Amino acid sequence: MSYFHFQRRAPIRLVLKSLIYAAMGMFTRLEVLGRENIPPDGPLIIAANHFSFADPVALIRMAPWDIDFIAAAVPGFAPKWSTYLPKLWGAFWVYRGTGSREALRSAEKLLKNGGRLGIFPEGGAWAQVLRPPRPGAAYLTTRGNAPILPVALYGLNDIFPLRMSNRPRVIANIGKPFGPFKVIGRGREKRDQLDAIGHTIMQKIAELTPPEMRGRYSDDPAIREAAKPFEAYPWADAIEGDIIN
């Protein structure tokens, strides 16, 4: 899906945002911390941890403007019914194992036109502790010359099954923007710099996350050790869809 396609999605997004506002109000006790850190305009990469398939909904709810997303075309652990909202909202679809060049080019164009891009650097929601990042967020901050707004999300796994009594507390903790970054060189030298940027992004998110959830980025050796079984990327050998040249 191209960048320009999103410019025609305003009416359906307005309806979806109204439904999201209503649902979050009925079924959660949402607290948005750090609103003063949200920049009034773009370009901007909103980078958040990924503990729940409902995380994009929380980002849409907390933001004062529309967010476009980099999202997996083939959901990993999300229930099938939950995939309809992303399809209606629209996203730059990433096919694991292919490079997804079209999605990255479109996201880069969005940023260069002052847009806001939501991305989950870990690349999927398979644990409730922080894990190492994939290279996408780091790549896009360098290509789109966009600063990064770190956001910690937690509590969203407690909202199911939905209930209107004893609503769970959901937190969106927003940090201060930082970056953008630049890289030099090519090949392994460039990839090492992107990896370092990715870890910086995750460290900024960790600072906003409860200590027991910081995983790889905790100061506590016991927490880091307990998180190691979750660090491997589950789709490392996956090939999805067509490779775009």
C-alpha atoms as a PDB file:
ATOM      1  CA  MET A   1       0.000   0.000   0.000  1.00  0.00           C
ATOM      2  CA  SER A   2       1.536   3.295  -1.067  1.00  0.00           C
ATOM      3  CA  TYR A   3       1.931   6.495   0.926  1.00  0.00           C
ATOM      4  CA  PHE A   4      -0.505   8.379  -1.292  1.00  0.00           C
ATOM      5  CA  HIS A   5      -3.206   5.746  -0.731  1.00  0.00           C
ATOM      6  CA  PHE A   6      -3.422   6.788   2.941  1.00  0.00           C
ATOM      7  CA  GLN A   7      -4.401  10.326   2.046  1.00  0.00           C
ATOM      8  CA  ARG A   8      -7.793   8.951   0.927  1.00  0.00           C
ATOM      9  CA  ARG A   9      -8.492   7.014   4.133  1.00  0.00           C
ATOM     10  CA  ALA A  10      -9.487   9.953   6.370  1.00  0.00           C
ATOM     11  CA  PRO A  11     -13.259   9.201   6.517  1.00  0.00           C
ATOM     12  CA  ILE A  12     -12.897   5.569   7.561  1.00  0.00           C
ATOM     13  CA  ARG A  13     -10.166   6.458  10.048  1.00  0.00           C
ATOM     14  CA  LEU A  14     -12.431   9.052  11.642  1.00  0.00           C
ATOM     15  CA  VAL A  15     -15.064   6.360  12.229  1.00  0.00           C
ATOM     16  CA  LEU A  16     -12.497   3.884  13.553  1.00  0.00           C
ATOM     17  CA  LYS A  17     -11.023   6.460  15.943  1.00  0.00           C
ATOM     18  CA  SER A  18     -14.495   7.164  17.349  1.00  0.00           C
ATOM     19  CA  LEU A  19     -15.000   3.446  17.968  1.00  0.00           C
ATOM     20  CA  ILE A  20     -11.536   3.114  19.532  1.00  0.00           C
ATOM     21  CA  TYR A  21     -12.159   6.059  21.878  1.00  0.00           C
ATOM     22  CA  ALA A  22     -15.463   4.533  22.974  1.00  0.00           C
ATOM     23  CA  ALA A  23     -14.052   1.026  23.455  1.00  0.00           C
ATOM     24  CA  MET A  24     -10.988   2.176  25.403  1.00  0.00           C
ATOM     25  CA  GLY A  25     -13.252   4.251  27.651  1.00  0.00           C
ATOM     26  CA  MET A  26     -15.669   1.374  28.317  1.00  0.00           C
ATOM     27  CA  PHE A  27     -13.186  -1.462  28.786  1.00  0.00           C
ATOM     28  CA  THR A  28      -9.998   0.118  30.195  1.00  0.00           C
ATOM     29  CA  ARG A  29      -8.742   2.725  32.624  1.00  0.00           C
ATOM     30  CA  LEU A  30      -6.280   4.277  30.195  1.00  0.00           C
ATOM     31  CA  GLU A  31      -3.610   6.610  31.548  1.00  0.00           C
ATOM     32  CA  VAL A  32      -1.479   8.570  29.099  1.00  0.00           C
ATOM     33  CA  LEU A  33       1.674   9.876  30.764  1.00  0.00           C
ATOM     34  CA  GLY A  34       4.044  12.397  29.178  1.00  0.00           C
ATOM     35  CA  ARG A  35       1.608  14.051  26.766  1.00  0.00           C
ATOM     36  CA  GLU A  36       3.786  17.158  26.938  1.00  0.00           C
ATOM     37  CA  ASN A  37       6.494  15.218  25.056  1.00  0.00           C
ATOM     38  CA  ILE A  38       4.358  14.788  21.923  1.00  0.00           C
ATOM     39  CA  PRO A  39       5.648  17.082  19.134  1.00  0.00           C
ATOM     40  CA  PRO A  40       2.949  19.178  17.452  1.00  0.00           C
ATOM     41  CA  ASP A  41       4.103  18.261  13.955  1.00  0.00           C
ATOM     42  CA  GLY A  42       6.194  15.769  12.010  1.00  0.00           C
ATOM     43  CA  PRO A  43       8.092  14.015  10.702  1.00  0.00           C
ATOM     44  CA  LEU A  44       8.104  11.528  13.578  1.00  0.00           C
ATOM     45  CA  ILE A  45       8.628   7.842  14.276  1.00  0.00           C
ATOM     46  CA  ILE A  46       6.556   6.589  17.208  1.00  0.00           C
ATOM     47  CA  ALA A  47       8.497   3.558  18.507  1.00  0.00           C
ATOM     48  CA  ALA A  48       6.813   1.367  21.137  1.00  0.00           C
ATOM     49  CA  ASN A  49       7.339  -1.984  22.781  1.00  0.00           C
ATOM     50  CA  HIS A  50       5.120  -4.811  21.554  1.00  0.00           C
ATOM     51  CA  PHE A  51       3.575  -6.893  24.349  1.00  0.00           C
ATOM     52  CA  SER A  52       0.022  -7.209  22.924  1.00  0.00           C
ATOM     53  CA  PHE A  53      -1.695  -7.416  19.555  1.00  0.00           C
ATOM     54  CA  ALA A  54      -3.824  -4.472  20.797  1.00  0.00           C
ATOM     55  CA  ASP A  55      -0.820  -2.107  21.035  1.00  0.00           C
ATOM     56  CA  PRO A  56      -1.629  -0.188  17.790  1.00  0.00           C
ATOM     57  CA  VAL A  57      -5.067   0.661  19.199  1.00  0.00           C
ATOM     58  CA  ALA A  58      -3.440   2.304  22.227  1.00  0.00           C
ATOM     59  CA  LEU A  59      -1.146   4.382  19.992  1.00  0.00           C
ATOM     60  CA  ILE A  60      -4.096   5.545  17.894  1.00  0.00           C
ATOM     61  CA  ARG A  61      -5.985   6.464  21.074  1.00  0.00           C
ATOM     62  CA  MET A  62      -3.130   8.447  22.657  1.00  0.00           C
ATOM     63  CA  ALA A  63      -2.066  10.418  19.575  1.00  0.00           C
ATOM     64  CA  PRO A  64      -3.553  13.834  18.730  1.00  0.00           C
ATOM     65  CA  TRP A  65      -3.026  13.152  15.011  1.00  0.00           C
ATOM     66  CA  ASP A  66      -3.245  10.181  12.633  1.00  0.00           C
ATOM     67  CA  ILE A  67      -0.525   7.541  12.755  1.00  0.00           C
ATOM     68  CA  ASP A  68       0.435   5.307   9.849  1.00  0.00           C
ATOM     69  CA  PHE A  69       1.978   1.961  10.687  1.00  0.00           C
ATOM     70  CA  ILE A  70       4.575  -0.512   9.544  1.00  0.00           C
ATOM     71  CA  ALA A  71       2.816  -3.824  10.177  1.00  0.00           C
ATOM     72  CA  ALA A  72       3.233  -7.527   9.499  1.00  0.00           C
ATOM     73  CA  ALA A  73       1.147  -8.684   6.549  1.00  0.00           C
ATOM     74  CA  VAL A  74       0.908 -12.134   8.160  1.00  0.00           C
ATOM     75  CA  PRO A  75       0.105 -11.695  11.882  1.00  0.00           C
ATOM     76  CA  GLY A  76       2.108 -13.881  14.208  1.00  0.00           C
ATOM     77  CA  PHE A  77       0.154 -14.544  17.391  1.00  0.00           C
ATOM     78  CA  ALA A  78      -2.873 -12.251  17.008  1.00  0.00           C
ATOM     79  CA  PRO A  79      -6.344 -13.856  16.858  1.00  0.00           C
ATOM     80  CA  LYS A  80      -7.901 -13.743  13.420  1.00  0.00           C
ATOM     81  CA  TRP A  81     -10.716 -11.374  14.408  1.00  0.00           C
ATOM     82  CA  SER A  82      -8.166  -8.749  15.476  1.00  0.00           C
ATOM     83  CA  THR A  83      -6.689  -8.471  11.962  1.00  0.00           C
ATOM     84  CA  TYR A  84      -9.692  -6.608  10.519  1.00  0.00           C
ATOM     85  CA  LEU A  85      -8.915  -3.267  12.195  1.00  0.00           C
ATOM     86  CA  PRO A  86      -5.388  -2.973  10.681  1.00  0.00           C
ATOM     87  CA  LYS A  87      -6.789  -3.823   7.257  1.00  0.00           C
ATOM     88  CA  LEU A  88      -9.434  -1.105   7.572  1.00  0.00           C
ATOM     89  CA  TRP A  89      -6.981   1.438   8.994  1.00  0.00           C
ATOM     90  CA  GLY A  90      -4.312   0.628   6.414  1.00  0.00           C
ATOM     91  CA  ALA A  91      -0.609  -0.052   6.898  1.00  0.00           C
ATOM     92  CA  PHE A  92       2.676  -0.440   5.083  1.00  0.00           C
ATOM     93  CA  TRP A  93       2.686  -4.234   4.992  1.00  0.00           C
ATOM     94  CA  VAL A  94       5.911  -6.036   5.805  1.00  0.00           C
ATOM     95  CA  TYR A  95       6.508  -9.580   4.572  1.00  0.00           C
ATOM     96  CA  ARG A  96       9.006 -11.299   6.842  1.00  0.00           C
ATOM     97  CA  GLY A  97      12.102 -12.654   5.190  1.00  0.00           C
ATOM     98  CA  THR A  98      11.731 -10.569   2.016  1.00  0.00           C
ATOM     99  CA  GLY A  99      13.218  -7.176   2.870  1.00  0.00           C
ATOM    100  CA  SER A 100       9.798  -5.570   2.173  1.00  0.00           C
ATOM    101  CA  ARG A 101      11.369  -2.816   0.127  1.00  0.00           C
ATOM    102  CA  GLU A 102       8.064  -1.334  -1.051  1.00  0.00           C
ATOM    103  CA  ALA A 103       6.843  -0.870   2.534  1.00  0.00           C
ATOM    104  CA  LEU A 104      10.126   0.747   3.568  1.00  0.00           C
ATOM    105  CA  ARG A 105      10.172   3.068   0.559  1.00  0.00           C
ATOM    106  CA  SER A 106       6.583   4.146   1.221  1.00  0.00           C
ATOM    107  CA  ALA A 107       7.278   4.698   4.924  1.00  0.00           C
ATOM    108  CA  GLU A 108      10.366   6.729   4.040  1.00  0.00           C
ATOM    109  CA  LYS A 109       8.291   8.863   1.659  1.00  0.00           C
ATOM    110  CA  LEU A 110       5.692   9.400   4.395  1.00  0.00           C
ATOM    111  CA  LEU A 111       8.371  10.698   6.775  1.00  0.00           C
ATOM    112  CA  LYS A 112       9.927  12.951   4.161  1.00  0.00           C
ATOM    113  CA  ASN A 113       6.481  14.485   3.687  1.00  0.00           C
ATOM    114  CA  GLY A 114       6.164  15.232   7.415  1.00  0.00           C
ATOM    115  CA  GLY A 115       4.097  12.180   8.386  1.00  0.00           C
ATOM    116  CA  ARG A 116       4.004  10.168  11.602  1.00  0.00           C
ATOM    117  CA  LEU A 117       4.908   6.504  11.513  1.00  0.00           C
ATOM    118  CA  GLY A 118       4.157   3.946  14.218  1.00  0.00           C
ATOM    119  CA  ILE A 119       6.532   1.011  14.494  1.00  0.00           C
ATOM    120  CA  PHE A 120       7.223  -1.770  16.988  1.00  0.00           C
ATOM    121  CA  PRO A 121      10.982  -2.358  16.764  1.00  0.00           C
ATOM    122  CA  GLU A 122      10.853  -5.860  18.278  1.00  0.00           C
ATOM    123  CA  GLY A 123       8.916  -7.043  15.222  1.00  0.00           C
ATOM    124  CA  GLY A 124       6.142  -8.937  16.999  1.00  0.00           C
ATOM    125  CA  ALA A 125       4.300  -9.560  20.272  1.00  0.00           C
ATOM    126  CA  TRP A 126       5.413 -12.920  21.657  1.00  0.00           C
ATOM    127  CA  ALA A 127       6.486 -11.928  25.204  1.00  0.00           C
ATOM    128  CA  GLN A 128       5.829  -9.315  27.882  1.00  0.00           C
ATOM    129  CA  VAL A 129       9.471  -8.368  28.349  1.00  0.00           C
ATOM    130  CA  LEU A 130      11.614  -6.189  26.095  1.00  0.00           C
ATOM    131  CA  ARG A 131      13.563  -7.976  23.364  1.00  0.00           C
ATOM    132  CA  PRO A 132      16.236  -6.971  20.836  1.00  0.00           C
ATOM    133  CA  PRO A 133      15.035  -4.846  17.902  1.00  0.00           C
ATOM    134  CA  ARG A 134      14.783  -5.622  14.246  1.00  0.00           C
ATOM    135  CA  PRO A 135      16.569  -3.041  12.016  1.00  0.00           C
ATOM    136  CA  GLY A 136      13.484  -1.300  10.581  1.00  0.00           C
ATOM    137  CA  ALA A 137      13.076   1.578  13.051  1.00  0.00           C
ATOM    138  CA  ALA A 138      16.786   2.413  12.972  1.00  0.00           C
ATOM    139  CA  TYR A 139      16.845   2.271   9.169  1.00  0.00           C
ATOM    140  CA  LEU A 140      13.856   4.598   8.844  1.00  0.00           C
ATOM    141  CA  THR A 141      15.143   7.251  11.239  1.00  0.00           C
ATOM    142  CA  THR A 142      18.295   7.497   9.115  1.00  0.00           C
ATOM    143  CA  ARG A 143      16.488   7.456   5.772  1.00  0.00           C
ATOM    144  CA  GLY A 144      13.544   9.673   6.704  1.00  0.00           C
ATOM    145  CA  ASN A 145      15.535  12.126   8.831  1.00  0.00           C
ATOM    146  CA  ALA A 146      12.870  11.702  11.510  1.00  0.00           C
ATOM    147  CA  PRO A 147      13.211  11.922  15.300  1.00  0.00           C
ATOM    148  CA  ILE A 148      11.895   9.098  17.453  1.00  0.00           C
ATOM    149  CA  LEU A 149       9.196   9.336  20.118  1.00  0.00           C
ATOM    150  CA  PRO A 150       9.630   6.409  22.548  1.00  0.00           C
ATOM    151  CA  VAL A 151       6.460   4.969  24.089  1.00  0.00           C
ATOM    152  CA  ALA A 152       6.036   2.213  26.674  1.00  0.00           C
ATOM    153  CA  LEU A 153       2.722   0.338  26.565  1.00  0.00           C
ATOM    154  CA  TYR A 154       1.586  -2.127  29.209  1.00  0.00           C
ATOM    155  CA  GLY A 155      -1.614  -3.547  30.641  1.00  0.00           C
ATOM    156  CA  LEU A 156      -3.258  -4.301  27.302  1.00  0.00           C
ATOM    157  CA  ASN A 157      -3.053  -8.059  27.754  1.00  0.00           C
ATOM    158  CA  ASP A 158      -5.292  -7.702  30.815  1.00  0.00           C
ATOM    159  CA  ILE A 159      -8.297  -6.326  28.911  1.00  0.00           C
ATOM    160  CA  PHE A 160      -9.418  -9.684  27.504  1.00  0.00           C
ATOM    161  CA  PRO A 161     -12.050 -10.944  27.961  1.00  0.00           C
ATOM    162  CA  LEU A 162     -13.631  -7.505  27.656  1.00  0.00           C
ATOM    163  CA  ARG A 163     -15.566  -6.337  30.704  1.00  0.00           C
ATOM    164  CA  MET A 164     -17.124  -3.065  31.827  1.00  0.00           C
ATOM    165  CA  SER A 165     -16.637  -3.697  35.539  1.00  0.00           C
ATOM    166  CA  ASN A 166     -13.235  -3.899  37.199  1.00  0.00           C
ATOM    167  CA  ARG A 167     -11.641  -2.397  34.095  1.00  0.00           C
ATOM    168  CA  PRO A 168      -7.876  -2.999  33.861  1.00  0.00           C
ATOM    169  CA  ARG A 169      -5.382  -0.147  34.058  1.00  0.00           C
ATOM    170  CA  VAL A 170      -3.599   0.455  30.748  1.00  0.00           C
ATOM    171  CA  ILE A 171      -0.560   2.738  30.569  1.00  0.00           C
ATOM    172  CA  ALA A 172       0.902   4.642  27.623  1.00  0.00           C
ATOM    173  CA  ASN A 173       4.076   6.293  28.918  1.00  0.00           C
ATOM    174  CA  ILE A 174       5.545   8.780  26.421  1.00  0.00           C
ATOM    175  CA  GLY A 175       9.188   9.806  26.576  1.00  0.00           C
ATOM    176  CA  LYS A 176      11.036  12.740  25.099  1.00  0.00           C
ATOM    177  CA  PRO A 177      11.825  12.681  21.349  1.00  0.00           C
ATOM    178  CA  PHE A 178      15.418  11.985  20.351  1.00  0.00           C
ATOM    179  CA  GLY A 179      17.367  11.682  17.119  1.00  0.00           C
ATOM    180  CA  PRO A 180      17.296  11.535  14.148  1.00  0.00           C
ATOM    181  CA  PHE A 181      20.417   9.485  13.472  1.00  0.00           C
ATOM    182  CA  LYS A 182      22.809   9.146  10.571  1.00  0.00           C
ATOM    183  CA  VAL A 183      24.984   6.256   9.444  1.00  0.00           C
ATOM    184  CA  ILE A 184      28.067   6.142   7.257  1.00  0.00           C
ATOM    185  CA  GLY A 185      29.804   3.461   5.241  1.00  0.00           C
ATOM    186  CA  ARG A 186      28.170   0.339   3.892  1.00  0.00           C
ATOM    187  CA  GLY A 187      27.818  -3.376   4.467  1.00  0.00           C
ATOM    188  CA  ARG A 188      28.787  -4.670   7.903  1.00  0.00           C
ATOM    189  CA  GLU A 189      29.911  -1.237   9.084  1.00  0.00           C
ATOM    190  CA  LYS A 190      26.506   0.255   8.307  1.00  0.00           C
ATOM    191  CA  ARG A 191      24.605  -2.677   9.831  1.00  0.00           C
ATOM    192  CA  ASP A 192      26.593  -2.382  13.079  1.00  0.00           C
ATOM    193  CA  GLN A 193      25.594   1.280  13.315  1.00  0.00           C
ATOM    194  CA  LEU A 194      21.923   0.426  12.680  1.00  0.00           C
ATOM    195  CA  ASP A 195      22.065  -2.267  15.371  1.00  0.00           C
ATOM    196  CA  ALA A 196      23.503   0.259  17.835  1.00  0.00           C
ATOM    197  CA  ILE A 197      20.733   2.741  16.999  1.00  0.00           C
ATOM    198  CA  GLY A 198      18.143   0.009  17.470  1.00  0.00           C
ATOM    199  CA  HIS A 199      19.469  -0.811  20.933  1.00  0.00           C
ATOM    200  CA  THR A 200      19.403   2.905  21.810  1.00  0.00           C
ATOM    201  CA  ILE A 201      15.736   3.029  20.818  1.00  0.00           C
ATOM    202  CA  MET A 202      14.946   0.017  22.995  1.00  0.00           C
ATOM    203  CA  GLN A 203      16.894   1.463  25.916  1.00  0.00           C
ATOM    204  CA  LYS A 204      14.829   4.665  25.721  1.00  0.00           C
ATOM    205  CA  ILE A 205      11.645   2.557  25.769  1.00  0.00           C
ATOM    206  CA  ALA A 206      13.028   0.538  28.704  1.00  0.00           C
ATOM    207  CA  GLU A 207      13.430   3.717  30.750  1.00  0.00           C
ATOM    208  CA  LEU A 208       9.651   4.203  30.464  1.00  0.00           C
ATOM    209  CA  THR A 209       8.765   0.572  31.255  1.00  0.00           C
ATOM    210  CA  PRO A 210       8.276  -1.058  34.697  1.00  0.00           C
ATOM    211  CA  PRO A 211      11.592  -2.604  35.866  1.00  0.00           C
ATOM    212  CA  GLU A 212      10.302  -6.190  35.779  1.00  0.00           C
ATOM    213  CA  MET A 213       9.406  -5.842  32.077  1.00  0.00           C
ATOM    214  CA  ARG A 214      12.722  -4.437  30.822  1.00  0.00           C
ATOM    215  CA  GLY A 215      14.106  -7.821  29.805  1.00  0.00           C
ATOM    216  CA  ARG A 216      17.307  -7.480  27.757  1.00  0.00           C
ATOM    217  CA  TYR A 217      17.573  -3.809  28.811  1.00  0.00           C
ATOM    218  CA  SER A 218      17.278  -4.287  32.575  1.00  0.00           C
ATOM    219  CA  ASP A 219      20.021  -3.308  35.015  1.00  0.00           C
ATOM    220  CA  ASP A 220      19.183  -6.459  36.965  1.00  0.00           C
ATOM    221  CA  PRO A 221      21.192  -9.518  35.808  1.00  0.00           C
ATOM    222  CA  ALA A 222      18.422 -11.859  37.005  1.00  0.00           C
ATOM    223  CA  ILE A 223      15.824 -10.110  34.851  1.00  0.00           C
ATOM    224  CA  ARG A 224      18.155 -10.172  31.829  1.00  0.00           C
ATOM    225  CA  GLU A 225      18.794 -13.880  32.335  1.00  0.00           C
ATOM    226  CA  ALA A 226      15.082 -14.690  32.681  1.00  0.00           C
ATOM    227  CA  ALA A 227      14.384 -12.822  29.429  1.00  0.00           C
ATOM    228  CA  LYS A 228      16.921 -14.740  27.314  1.00  0.00           C
ATOM    229  CA  PRO A 229      14.493 -17.503  26.207  1.00  0.00           C
ATOM    230  CA  PHE A 230      12.303 -14.824  24.580  1.00  0.00           C
ATOM    231  CA  GLU A 231      15.050 -13.009  22.656  1.00  0.00           C
ATOM    232  CA  ALA A 232      15.171 -15.193  19.552  1.00  0.00           C
ATOM    233  CA  TYR A 233      13.078 -13.828  16.690  1.00  0.00           C
ATOM    234  CA  PRO A 234      10.362 -16.468  16.005  1.00  0.00           C
ATOM    235  CA  TRP A 235      10.240 -15.780  12.264  1.00  0.00           C
ATOM    236  CA  ALA A 236      13.974 -15.701  11.537  1.00  0.00           C
ATOM    237  CA  ASP A 237      13.599 -18.362   8.824  1.00  0.00           C
ATOM    238  CA  ALA A 238      10.182 -17.290   7.505  1.00  0.00           C
ATOM    239  CA  ILE A 239       9.627 -16.263   3.886  1.00  0.00           C
ATOM    240  CA  GLU A 240       6.227 -14.588   3.394  1.00  0.00           C
ATOM    241  CA  GLY A 241       4.749 -13.341   0.130  1.00  0.00           C
ATOM    242  CA  ASP A 242       6.751 -12.200  -2.847  1.00  0.00           C
ATOM    243  CA  ILE A 243      10.218 -10.730  -2.689  1.00  0.00           C
ATOM    244  CA  ILE A 244      10.125  -7.230  -4.145  1.00  0.00           C
ATOM    245  CA  ASN A 245      13.151  -6.321  -6.248  1.00  0.00           C
END
